[in-house]
């Protein structure tokens, strides 16, 4: 397949490009700078994307977006988080919808934040959307892909959970603390964490290129855990104690209350119902197996 990918230089995109390339696919990256071989230039802010360069591609995978936890949620950064998702998605969706030879599939990024903070409720793709900033962002993010849906392109919303990899994200930030023996649960530790290993994140995306699935798909492992269980398993795998709980006030001072609550002290208990029904076989169904595999590399 000839596959166009946005966000190809990000944490997920980098490894996805490598996996798809080794699987024999032709991968074309969308870039904002002057393009090199195997790249197409675009400028989402100005709405610039050469439709002719996309004509005849088999699939488009959209992973662009400003980092949720990279900065405090000031009003300007909130706008950047939203715009970096909606403007890029809308531009891609409208462009591929206009093509005479449309791609067969559009895999567009989203996140489990769409469900909001839901305590112990089990959530699948048919669950209602939640409230709060992240839920609103995800709703608008997915809605921006509507031109592709209306054009008859099979469109999948990749509702990604906590992606585990020592190369970035939450796990990279936690590992130094746990290795020093000063890691621990956040707050009371009862908040659910719906995780997925980087291997399954990449594997699921590749699977969805050809699976007969459309609409929302939760990219999470089948067994979400509470934060207390998450920290316990991590500490056990690296053979360190996890006895120092993180009080709620410290991260709220550093990150701001709403950001800290959204990322650390609330969560979602998400089940990958659509992915399971599609026949995808997870490499890591338990947190311990994921940590042992990821941290041995």
C-alpha atoms as a PDB file:
ATOM      1  CA  UNK A   1       0.000   0.000   0.000  1.00  0.00           C
ATOM      2  CA  UNK A   2       1.024   3.583  -0.545  1.00  0.00           C
ATOM      3  CA  UNK A   3       0.409   5.281   2.800  1.00  0.00           C
ATOM      4  CA  UNK A   4       0.587   8.983   3.662  1.00  0.00           C
ATOM      5  CA  UNK A   5       1.305   9.786   7.309  1.00  0.00           C
ATOM      6  CA  UNK A   6       1.100  13.064   9.203  1.00  0.00           C
ATOM      7  CA  UNK A   7       2.921  13.348  12.515  1.00  0.00           C
ATOM      8  CA  UNK A   8       5.507  10.924  11.177  1.00  0.00           C
ATOM      9  CA  UNK A   9       8.281  12.367  13.343  1.00  0.00           C
ATOM     10  CA  UNK A  10       6.332  11.968  16.602  1.00  0.00           C
ATOM     11  CA  UNK A  11       6.619   9.220  19.189  1.00  0.00           C
ATOM     12  CA  UNK A  12       4.069   6.939  17.531  1.00  0.00           C
ATOM     13  CA  UNK A  13       4.695   8.127  13.982  1.00  0.00           C
ATOM     14  CA  UNK A  14       8.421   7.363  14.022  1.00  0.00           C
ATOM     15  CA  UNK A  15       7.891   3.745  14.992  1.00  0.00           C
ATOM     16  CA  UNK A  16       4.868   3.368  12.730  1.00  0.00           C
ATOM     17  CA  UNK A  17       6.846   4.532   9.708  1.00  0.00           C
ATOM     18  CA  UNK A  18       9.603   2.035  10.498  1.00  0.00           C
ATOM     19  CA  UNK A  19       7.140  -0.844  10.929  1.00  0.00           C
ATOM     20  CA  UNK A  20       5.145  -0.104   7.783  1.00  0.00           C
ATOM     21  CA  UNK A  21       8.294   0.351   5.723  1.00  0.00           C
ATOM     22  CA  UNK A  22       9.726  -2.989   6.838  1.00  0.00           C
ATOM     23  CA  UNK A  23       6.348  -4.593   6.064  1.00  0.00           C
ATOM     24  CA  UNK A  24       6.772  -3.578   2.437  1.00  0.00           C
ATOM     25  CA  UNK A  25       4.514  -0.508   2.303  1.00  0.00           C
ATOM     26  CA  UNK A  26       5.486   2.719   0.562  1.00  0.00           C
ATOM     27  CA  UNK A  27       5.346   5.437   3.208  1.00  0.00           C
ATOM     28  CA  UNK A  28       5.066   9.129   2.349  1.00  0.00           C
ATOM     29  CA  UNK A  29       5.459  11.690   5.141  1.00  0.00           C
ATOM     30  CA  UNK A  30       3.609  14.992   5.381  1.00  0.00           C
ATOM     31  CA  UNK A  31       6.045  17.732   6.453  1.00  0.00           C
ATOM     32  CA  UNK A  32       5.851  21.477   7.014  1.00  0.00           C
ATOM     33  CA  UNK A  33       9.405  22.214   5.833  1.00  0.00           C
ATOM     34  CA  UNK A  34      10.732  21.884   2.288  1.00  0.00           C
ATOM     35  CA  UNK A  35      10.072  18.266   1.284  1.00  0.00           C
ATOM     36  CA  UNK A  36      12.694  15.661   0.510  1.00  0.00           C
ATOM     37  CA  UNK A  37      12.230  12.381  -1.339  1.00  0.00           C
ATOM     38  CA  UNK A  38       9.276  10.471   0.081  1.00  0.00           C
ATOM     39  CA  UNK A  39       7.698  13.597   1.542  1.00  0.00           C
ATOM     40  CA  UNK A  40       4.846  15.983   0.736  1.00  0.00           C
ATOM     41  CA  UNK A  41       4.771  19.542   2.032  1.00  0.00           C
ATOM     42  CA  UNK A  42       1.687  20.986   3.682  1.00  0.00           C
ATOM     43  CA  UNK A  43       0.801  24.056   5.701  1.00  0.00           C
ATOM     44  CA  UNK A  44      -2.316  23.508   7.819  1.00  0.00           C
ATOM     45  CA  UNK A  45      -2.334  27.106   9.075  1.00  0.00           C
ATOM     46  CA  UNK A  46      -2.670  28.475   5.573  1.00  0.00           C
ATOM     47  CA  UNK A  47      -4.728  25.527   4.378  1.00  0.00           C
ATOM     48  CA  UNK A  48      -2.142  24.496   1.815  1.00  0.00           C
ATOM     49  CA  UNK A  49      -1.889  20.886   0.617  1.00  0.00           C
ATOM     50  CA  UNK A  50      -1.331  19.760  -2.961  1.00  0.00           C
ATOM     51  CA  UNK A  51      -4.259  17.462  -3.707  1.00  0.00           C
ATOM     52  CA  UNK A  52      -2.526  16.055  -6.777  1.00  0.00           C
ATOM     53  CA  UNK A  53       0.245  14.662  -4.560  1.00  0.00           C
ATOM     54  CA  UNK A  54      -2.336  12.580  -2.682  1.00  0.00           C
ATOM     55  CA  UNK A  55      -4.268  11.361  -5.694  1.00  0.00           C
ATOM     56  CA  UNK A  56      -4.176   7.576  -5.857  1.00  0.00           C
ATOM     57  CA  UNK A  57      -2.712   6.876  -2.410  1.00  0.00           C
ATOM     58  CA  UNK A  58      -4.199   3.838  -0.690  1.00  0.00           C
ATOM     59  CA  UNK A  59      -4.397   5.119   2.896  1.00  0.00           C
ATOM     60  CA  UNK A  60      -3.919   8.236   5.015  1.00  0.00           C
ATOM     61  CA  UNK A  61      -2.928   8.059   8.688  1.00  0.00           C
ATOM     62  CA  UNK A  62      -3.273  11.294  10.610  1.00  0.00           C
ATOM     63  CA  UNK A  63      -1.304  11.606  13.874  1.00  0.00           C
ATOM     64  CA  UNK A  64      -0.540  15.331  14.124  1.00  0.00           C
ATOM     65  CA  UNK A  65      -1.326  17.424  17.207  1.00  0.00           C
ATOM     66  CA  UNK A  66       0.317  19.521  19.901  1.00  0.00           C
ATOM     67  CA  UNK A  67       1.239  17.601  23.058  1.00  0.00           C
ATOM     68  CA  UNK A  68      -1.506  17.553  25.691  1.00  0.00           C
ATOM     69  CA  UNK A  69       0.873  17.556  28.644  1.00  0.00           C
ATOM     70  CA  UNK A  70       3.752  19.547  27.175  1.00  0.00           C
ATOM     71  CA  UNK A  71       2.763  22.922  28.655  1.00  0.00           C
ATOM     72  CA  UNK A  72       0.366  24.482  31.151  1.00  0.00           C
ATOM     73  CA  UNK A  73      -3.130  24.928  29.764  1.00  0.00           C
ATOM     74  CA  UNK A  74      -3.100  28.658  29.231  1.00  0.00           C
ATOM     75  CA  UNK A  75      -5.805  30.065  26.988  1.00  0.00           C
ATOM     76  CA  UNK A  76      -3.329  30.314  24.114  1.00  0.00           C
ATOM     77  CA  UNK A  77      -2.083  26.747  24.540  1.00  0.00           C
ATOM     78  CA  UNK A  78      -5.642  25.430  24.770  1.00  0.00           C
ATOM     79  CA  UNK A  79      -6.257  27.026  21.392  1.00  0.00           C
ATOM     80  CA  UNK A  80      -3.074  25.444  20.022  1.00  0.00           C
ATOM     81  CA  UNK A  81      -4.105  21.996  21.291  1.00  0.00           C
ATOM     82  CA  UNK A  82      -7.493  22.319  19.603  1.00  0.00           C
ATOM     83  CA  UNK A  83      -6.414  24.013  16.385  1.00  0.00           C
ATOM     84  CA  UNK A  84      -3.464  21.671  15.817  1.00  0.00           C
ATOM     85  CA  UNK A  85      -5.975  18.835  15.647  1.00  0.00           C
ATOM     86  CA  UNK A  86      -9.050  20.278  13.998  1.00  0.00           C
ATOM     87  CA  UNK A  87      -7.409  22.361  11.269  1.00  0.00           C
ATOM     88  CA  UNK A  88      -5.090  19.543  10.211  1.00  0.00           C
ATOM     89  CA  UNK A  89      -7.875  16.957  10.234  1.00  0.00           C
ATOM     90  CA  UNK A  90     -10.231  19.197   8.285  1.00  0.00           C
ATOM     91  CA  UNK A  91      -7.591  19.983   5.677  1.00  0.00           C
ATOM     92  CA  UNK A  92      -6.749  16.324   5.151  1.00  0.00           C
ATOM     93  CA  UNK A  93     -10.375  15.190   5.125  1.00  0.00           C
ATOM     94  CA  UNK A  94     -11.475  17.859   2.633  1.00  0.00           C
ATOM     95  CA  UNK A  95      -8.472  17.221   0.393  1.00  0.00           C
ATOM     96  CA  UNK A  96      -8.860  13.448   0.155  1.00  0.00           C
ATOM     97  CA  UNK A  97     -12.627  13.822  -0.266  1.00  0.00           C
ATOM     98  CA  UNK A  98     -11.995  15.945  -3.368  1.00  0.00           C
ATOM     99  CA  UNK A  99      -9.760  13.410  -5.088  1.00  0.00           C
ATOM    100  CA  UNK A 100     -10.827  11.504  -8.171  1.00  0.00           C
ATOM    101  CA  UNK A 101      -8.932   8.454  -6.847  1.00  0.00           C
ATOM    102  CA  UNK A 102      -9.660   8.502  -3.137  1.00  0.00           C
ATOM    103  CA  UNK A 103      -7.805   6.466  -0.514  1.00  0.00           C
ATOM    104  CA  UNK A 104      -9.638   3.409   0.747  1.00  0.00           C
ATOM    105  CA  UNK A 105      -9.136   4.360   4.396  1.00  0.00           C
ATOM    106  CA  UNK A 106      -8.513   7.395   6.586  1.00  0.00           C
ATOM    107  CA  UNK A 107      -7.180   6.597  10.074  1.00  0.00           C
ATOM    108  CA  UNK A 108      -7.549   9.795  12.064  1.00  0.00           C
ATOM    109  CA  UNK A 109      -6.159  10.396  15.540  1.00  0.00           C
ATOM    110  CA  UNK A 110      -8.332  10.838  18.600  1.00  0.00           C
ATOM    111  CA  UNK A 111      -8.069   9.901  22.281  1.00  0.00           C
ATOM    112  CA  UNK A 112      -9.948   8.227  25.128  1.00  0.00           C
ATOM    113  CA  UNK A 113     -10.199  11.664  26.715  1.00  0.00           C
ATOM    114  CA  UNK A 114     -13.442  11.918  24.758  1.00  0.00           C
ATOM    115  CA  UNK A 115     -15.127   9.903  27.534  1.00  0.00           C
ATOM    116  CA  UNK A 116     -14.191  12.358  30.282  1.00  0.00           C
ATOM    117  CA  UNK A 117     -13.581  11.303  33.904  1.00  0.00           C
ATOM    118  CA  UNK A 118     -15.944   8.364  34.542  1.00  0.00           C
ATOM    119  CA  UNK A 119     -14.738   6.666  37.760  1.00  0.00           C
ATOM    120  CA  UNK A 120     -15.314   2.863  37.596  1.00  0.00           C
ATOM    121  CA  UNK A 121     -17.669   2.828  34.589  1.00  0.00           C
ATOM    122  CA  UNK A 122     -16.563   0.452  31.827  1.00  0.00           C
ATOM    123  CA  UNK A 123     -16.411   2.343  28.554  1.00  0.00           C
ATOM    124  CA  UNK A 124     -16.602   1.056  24.994  1.00  0.00           C
ATOM    125  CA  UNK A 125     -16.914   2.817  21.679  1.00  0.00           C
ATOM    126  CA  UNK A 126     -20.693   3.133  22.083  1.00  0.00           C
ATOM    127  CA  UNK A 127     -20.420   4.898  25.457  1.00  0.00           C
ATOM    128  CA  UNK A 128     -21.527   8.508  25.641  1.00  0.00           C
ATOM    129  CA  UNK A 129     -18.998  11.303  25.467  1.00  0.00           C
ATOM    130  CA  UNK A 130     -17.913  13.016  28.653  1.00  0.00           C
ATOM    131  CA  UNK A 131     -17.384  16.613  29.661  1.00  0.00           C
ATOM    132  CA  UNK A 132     -14.332  18.797  30.112  1.00  0.00           C
ATOM    133  CA  UNK A 133     -11.694  20.324  27.884  1.00  0.00           C
ATOM    134  CA  UNK A 134     -10.229  17.085  26.500  1.00  0.00           C
ATOM    135  CA  UNK A 135     -13.646  15.627  25.736  1.00  0.00           C
ATOM    136  CA  UNK A 136     -14.574  18.783  23.836  1.00  0.00           C
ATOM    137  CA  UNK A 137     -11.288  18.716  21.912  1.00  0.00           C
ATOM    138  CA  UNK A 138     -11.773  15.082  20.919  1.00  0.00           C
ATOM    139  CA  UNK A 139     -15.348  15.669  19.789  1.00  0.00           C
ATOM    140  CA  UNK A 140     -14.313  18.517  17.505  1.00  0.00           C
ATOM    141  CA  UNK A 141     -11.261  16.550  16.367  1.00  0.00           C
ATOM    142  CA  UNK A 142     -13.401  13.635  15.202  1.00  0.00           C
ATOM    143  CA  UNK A 143     -16.068  15.901  13.720  1.00  0.00           C
ATOM    144  CA  UNK A 144     -13.427  17.552  11.529  1.00  0.00           C
ATOM    145  CA  UNK A 145     -13.043  14.268   9.611  1.00  0.00           C
ATOM    146  CA  UNK A 146     -16.671  14.380   8.397  1.00  0.00           C
ATOM    147  CA  UNK A 147     -15.832  15.333   4.771  1.00  0.00           C
ATOM    148  CA  UNK A 148     -13.964  12.031   4.399  1.00  0.00           C
ATOM    149  CA  UNK A 149     -16.918  10.117   5.852  1.00  0.00           C
ATOM    150  CA  UNK A 150     -19.357  11.914   3.570  1.00  0.00           C
ATOM    151  CA  UNK A 151     -17.152  11.071   0.578  1.00  0.00           C
ATOM    152  CA  UNK A 152     -17.493   7.355   1.345  1.00  0.00           C
ATOM    153  CA  UNK A 153     -13.947   6.878   2.607  1.00  0.00           C
ATOM    154  CA  UNK A 154     -13.731   4.302   5.408  1.00  0.00           C
ATOM    155  CA  UNK A 155     -12.829   6.512   8.347  1.00  0.00           C
ATOM    156  CA  UNK A 156     -11.545   5.291  11.721  1.00  0.00           C
ATOM    157  CA  UNK A 157     -11.081   7.439  14.814  1.00  0.00           C
ATOM    158  CA  UNK A 158      -8.046   6.156  16.702  1.00  0.00           C
ATOM    159  CA  UNK A 159      -9.074   6.733  20.332  1.00  0.00           C
ATOM    160  CA  UNK A 160      -5.666   6.160  21.863  1.00  0.00           C
ATOM    161  CA  UNK A 161      -5.044   5.570  25.556  1.00  0.00           C
ATOM    162  CA  UNK A 162      -1.774   5.806  27.518  1.00  0.00           C
ATOM    163  CA  UNK A 163       0.904   4.553  25.131  1.00  0.00           C
ATOM    164  CA  UNK A 164       3.674   2.761  27.002  1.00  0.00           C
ATOM    165  CA  UNK A 165       7.214   3.088  25.722  1.00  0.00           C
ATOM    166  CA  UNK A 166      10.439   3.942  27.528  1.00  0.00           C
ATOM    167  CA  UNK A 167      11.263   6.253  24.617  1.00  0.00           C
ATOM    168  CA  UNK A 168       8.655   8.863  25.533  1.00  0.00           C
ATOM    169  CA  UNK A 169       5.334   9.726  27.085  1.00  0.00           C
ATOM    170  CA  UNK A 170       4.302   8.877  30.637  1.00  0.00           C
ATOM    171  CA  UNK A 171       6.571   5.861  31.090  1.00  0.00           C
ATOM    172  CA  UNK A 172       9.738   7.770  30.174  1.00  0.00           C
ATOM    173  CA  UNK A 173       8.874  10.415  32.778  1.00  0.00           C
ATOM    174  CA  UNK A 174       8.060   7.872  35.495  1.00  0.00           C
ATOM    175  CA  UNK A 175      11.022   5.523  35.091  1.00  0.00           C
ATOM    176  CA  UNK A 176      13.736   7.757  36.617  1.00  0.00           C
ATOM    177  CA  UNK A 177      11.643   8.282  39.760  1.00  0.00           C
ATOM    178  CA  UNK A 178      10.838   4.609  40.154  1.00  0.00           C
ATOM    179  CA  UNK A 179      14.437   3.569  39.558  1.00  0.00           C
ATOM    180  CA  UNK A 180      15.423   5.866  42.425  1.00  0.00           C
ATOM    181  CA  UNK A 181      12.816   4.215  44.623  1.00  0.00           C
ATOM    182  CA  UNK A 182      10.746   7.369  45.034  1.00  0.00           C
ATOM    183  CA  UNK A 183       7.863   6.438  42.742  1.00  0.00           C
ATOM    184  CA  UNK A 184       4.345   5.845  43.963  1.00  0.00           C
ATOM    185  CA  UNK A 185       0.664   6.145  43.236  1.00  0.00           C
ATOM    186  CA  UNK A 186      -0.903   9.493  42.367  1.00  0.00           C
ATOM    187  CA  UNK A 187      -3.378  10.659  44.985  1.00  0.00           C
ATOM    188  CA  UNK A 188      -5.523   7.769  46.218  1.00  0.00           C
ATOM    189  CA  UNK A 189      -4.524   5.604  43.237  1.00  0.00           C
ATOM    190  CA  UNK A 190      -8.119   4.621  42.455  1.00  0.00           C
ATOM    191  CA  UNK A 191      -8.226   6.355  39.079  1.00  0.00           C
ATOM    192  CA  UNK A 192      -8.256   3.983  36.101  1.00  0.00           C
ATOM    193  CA  UNK A 193      -5.461   3.986  33.533  1.00  0.00           C
ATOM    194  CA  UNK A 194      -6.234   2.548  30.121  1.00  0.00           C
ATOM    195  CA  UNK A 195      -2.861   1.708  28.652  1.00  0.00           C
ATOM    196  CA  UNK A 196      -1.517   0.127  25.477  1.00  0.00           C
ATOM    197  CA  UNK A 197       2.031  -0.950  24.658  1.00  0.00           C
ATOM    198  CA  UNK A 198       3.729   0.824  21.771  1.00  0.00           C
ATOM    199  CA  UNK A 199       3.950  -2.555  20.040  1.00  0.00           C
ATOM    200  CA  UNK A 200       0.159  -2.949  20.126  1.00  0.00           C
ATOM    201  CA  UNK A 201      -0.451   0.702  19.238  1.00  0.00           C
ATOM    202  CA  UNK A 202       1.562   0.195  16.061  1.00  0.00           C
ATOM    203  CA  UNK A 203       0.162  -3.278  15.455  1.00  0.00           C
ATOM    204  CA  UNK A 204      -3.430  -2.112  15.841  1.00  0.00           C
ATOM    205  CA  UNK A 205      -2.973   0.807  13.462  1.00  0.00           C
ATOM    206  CA  UNK A 206      -1.452  -1.501  10.851  1.00  0.00           C
ATOM    207  CA  UNK A 207      -4.323  -3.953  11.405  1.00  0.00           C
ATOM    208  CA  UNK A 208      -6.915  -1.209  10.893  1.00  0.00           C
ATOM    209  CA  UNK A 209      -5.501  -0.354   7.473  1.00  0.00           C
ATOM    210  CA  UNK A 210      -7.280  -3.405   6.077  1.00  0.00           C
ATOM    211  CA  UNK A 211      -9.762  -4.509   8.774  1.00  0.00           C
ATOM    212  CA  UNK A 212     -13.448  -4.062   7.986  1.00  0.00           C
ATOM    213  CA  UNK A 213     -13.901  -1.437  10.704  1.00  0.00           C
ATOM    214  CA  UNK A 214     -15.058   2.167  10.647  1.00  0.00           C
ATOM    215  CA  UNK A 215     -15.925   4.772  13.255  1.00  0.00           C
ATOM    216  CA  UNK A 216     -14.458   4.954  16.746  1.00  0.00           C
ATOM    217  CA  UNK A 217     -11.897   2.350  17.828  1.00  0.00           C
ATOM    218  CA  UNK A 218     -10.399   2.333  21.323  1.00  0.00           C
ATOM    219  CA  UNK A 219      -6.657   1.732  21.124  1.00  0.00           C
ATOM    220  CA  UNK A 220      -6.201   0.361  24.624  1.00  0.00           C
ATOM    221  CA  UNK A 221      -5.224  -3.040  26.018  1.00  0.00           C
ATOM    222  CA  UNK A 222      -8.046  -5.350  27.213  1.00  0.00           C
ATOM    223  CA  UNK A 223      -7.098  -5.007  30.885  1.00  0.00           C
ATOM    224  CA  UNK A 224      -7.031  -1.431  32.211  1.00  0.00           C
ATOM    225  CA  UNK A 225      -5.688  -1.012  35.748  1.00  0.00           C
ATOM    226  CA  UNK A 226      -5.978   1.479  38.567  1.00  0.00           C
ATOM    227  CA  UNK A 227      -3.100   3.850  39.142  1.00  0.00           C
ATOM    228  CA  UNK A 228      -2.253   1.988  42.349  1.00  0.00           C
ATOM    229  CA  UNK A 229      -1.958  -1.281  40.397  1.00  0.00           C
ATOM    230  CA  UNK A 230      -0.003   0.444  37.611  1.00  0.00           C
ATOM    231  CA  UNK A 231       2.634   1.758  40.012  1.00  0.00           C
ATOM    232  CA  UNK A 232       2.766  -1.543  41.910  1.00  0.00           C
ATOM    233  CA  UNK A 233       3.425  -3.560  38.751  1.00  0.00           C
ATOM    234  CA  UNK A 234       6.018  -1.105  37.435  1.00  0.00           C
ATOM    235  CA  UNK A 235       7.903  -1.136  40.729  1.00  0.00           C
ATOM    236  CA  UNK A 236       7.810  -4.930  40.834  1.00  0.00           C
ATOM    237  CA  UNK A 237       9.164  -5.326  37.305  1.00  0.00           C
ATOM    238  CA  UNK A 238      12.123  -3.000  37.902  1.00  0.00           C
ATOM    239  CA  UNK A 239      12.587  -4.376  41.427  1.00  0.00           C
ATOM    240  CA  UNK A 240      12.147  -1.125  43.293  1.00  0.00           C
ATOM    241  CA  UNK A 241       9.763  -0.051  46.056  1.00  0.00           C
ATOM    242  CA  UNK A 242       6.737   2.133  45.311  1.00  0.00           C
ATOM    243  CA  UNK A 243       5.818   3.468  48.705  1.00  0.00           C
ATOM    244  CA  UNK A 244       5.879   7.237  48.262  1.00  0.00           C
ATOM    245  CA  UNK A 245       2.433   8.454  47.145  1.00  0.00           C
ATOM    246  CA  UNK A 246       2.353  11.691  45.175  1.00  0.00           C
ATOM    247  CA  UNK A 247       0.052  14.221  46.890  1.00  0.00           C
ATOM    248  CA  UNK A 248      -2.416  16.013  44.656  1.00  0.00           C
ATOM    249  CA  UNK A 249      -1.230  19.511  45.499  1.00  0.00           C
ATOM    250  CA  UNK A 250       2.311  19.216  44.087  1.00  0.00           C
ATOM    251  CA  UNK A 251       1.433  18.413  40.436  1.00  0.00           C
ATOM    252  CA  UNK A 252      -1.427  20.912  40.566  1.00  0.00           C
ATOM    253  CA  UNK A 253       1.030  23.641  41.498  1.00  0.00           C
ATOM    254  CA  UNK A 254       3.438  22.626  38.739  1.00  0.00           C
ATOM    255  CA  UNK A 255       0.948  21.867  35.968  1.00  0.00           C
ATOM    256  CA  UNK A 256      -2.203  23.683  36.947  1.00  0.00           C
ATOM    257  CA  UNK A 257      -5.228  22.047  38.526  1.00  0.00           C
ATOM    258  CA  UNK A 258      -7.224  21.100  35.431  1.00  0.00           C
ATOM    259  CA  UNK A 259      -4.247  19.625  33.553  1.00  0.00           C
ATOM    260  CA  UNK A 260      -3.086  17.666  36.605  1.00  0.00           C
ATOM    261  CA  UNK A 261      -6.584  16.307  37.208  1.00  0.00           C
ATOM    262  CA  UNK A 262      -7.022  15.310  33.566  1.00  0.00           C
ATOM    263  CA  UNK A 263      -3.678  13.531  33.223  1.00  0.00           C
ATOM    264  CA  UNK A 264      -2.918  12.232  36.717  1.00  0.00           C
ATOM    265  CA  UNK A 265      -5.820  12.149  39.141  1.00  0.00           C
ATOM    266  CA  UNK A 266      -8.786  11.099  36.995  1.00  0.00           C
ATOM    267  CA  UNK A 267      -9.066   8.476  34.299  1.00  0.00           C
ATOM    268  CA  UNK A 268     -11.184   6.172  32.190  1.00  0.00           C
ATOM    269  CA  UNK A 269     -11.769   2.415  32.325  1.00  0.00           C
ATOM    270  CA  UNK A 270     -11.771   1.768  28.587  1.00  0.00           C
ATOM    271  CA  UNK A 271     -12.341  -1.569  26.851  1.00  0.00           C
ATOM    272  CA  UNK A 272     -11.226  -2.113  23.203  1.00  0.00           C
ATOM    273  CA  UNK A 273     -14.492  -3.715  22.110  1.00  0.00           C
ATOM    274  CA  UNK A 274     -14.228  -2.802  18.415  1.00  0.00           C
ATOM    275  CA  UNK A 275     -10.614  -3.914  18.165  1.00  0.00           C
ATOM    276  CA  UNK A 276     -11.395  -7.236  19.832  1.00  0.00           C
ATOM    277  CA  UNK A 277     -14.382  -7.787  17.528  1.00  0.00           C
ATOM    278  CA  UNK A 278     -12.218  -7.068  14.477  1.00  0.00           C
ATOM    279  CA  UNK A 279      -9.938 -10.005  15.296  1.00  0.00           C
ATOM    280  CA  UNK A 280      -6.870  -8.099  16.394  1.00  0.00           C
ATOM    281  CA  UNK A 281      -4.570 -10.240  18.541  1.00  0.00           C
ATOM    282  CA  UNK A 282      -2.837  -8.254  21.272  1.00  0.00           C
ATOM    283  CA  UNK A 283       0.831  -8.844  21.938  1.00  0.00           C
ATOM    284  CA  UNK A 284       0.461  -7.599  25.511  1.00  0.00           C
ATOM    285  CA  UNK A 285      -2.819  -8.159  27.317  1.00  0.00           C
ATOM    286  CA  UNK A 286      -1.455  -7.634  30.824  1.00  0.00           C
ATOM    287  CA  UNK A 287       0.516  -4.714  32.189  1.00  0.00           C
ATOM    288  CA  UNK A 288       3.249  -6.947  33.574  1.00  0.00           C
ATOM    289  CA  UNK A 289       3.905  -8.598  30.206  1.00  0.00           C
ATOM    290  CA  UNK A 290       4.035  -5.172  28.557  1.00  0.00           C
ATOM    291  CA  UNK A 291       6.517  -3.767  31.077  1.00  0.00           C
ATOM    292  CA  UNK A 292       8.727  -6.873  30.945  1.00  0.00           C
ATOM    293  CA  UNK A 293       8.881  -6.703  27.164  1.00  0.00           C
ATOM    294  CA  UNK A 294       9.334  -2.936  26.860  1.00  0.00           C
ATOM    295  CA  UNK A 295      11.921  -2.595  29.620  1.00  0.00           C
ATOM    296  CA  UNK A 296      14.052  -5.498  28.388  1.00  0.00           C
ATOM    297  CA  UNK A 297      14.750  -3.839  25.044  1.00  0.00           C
END
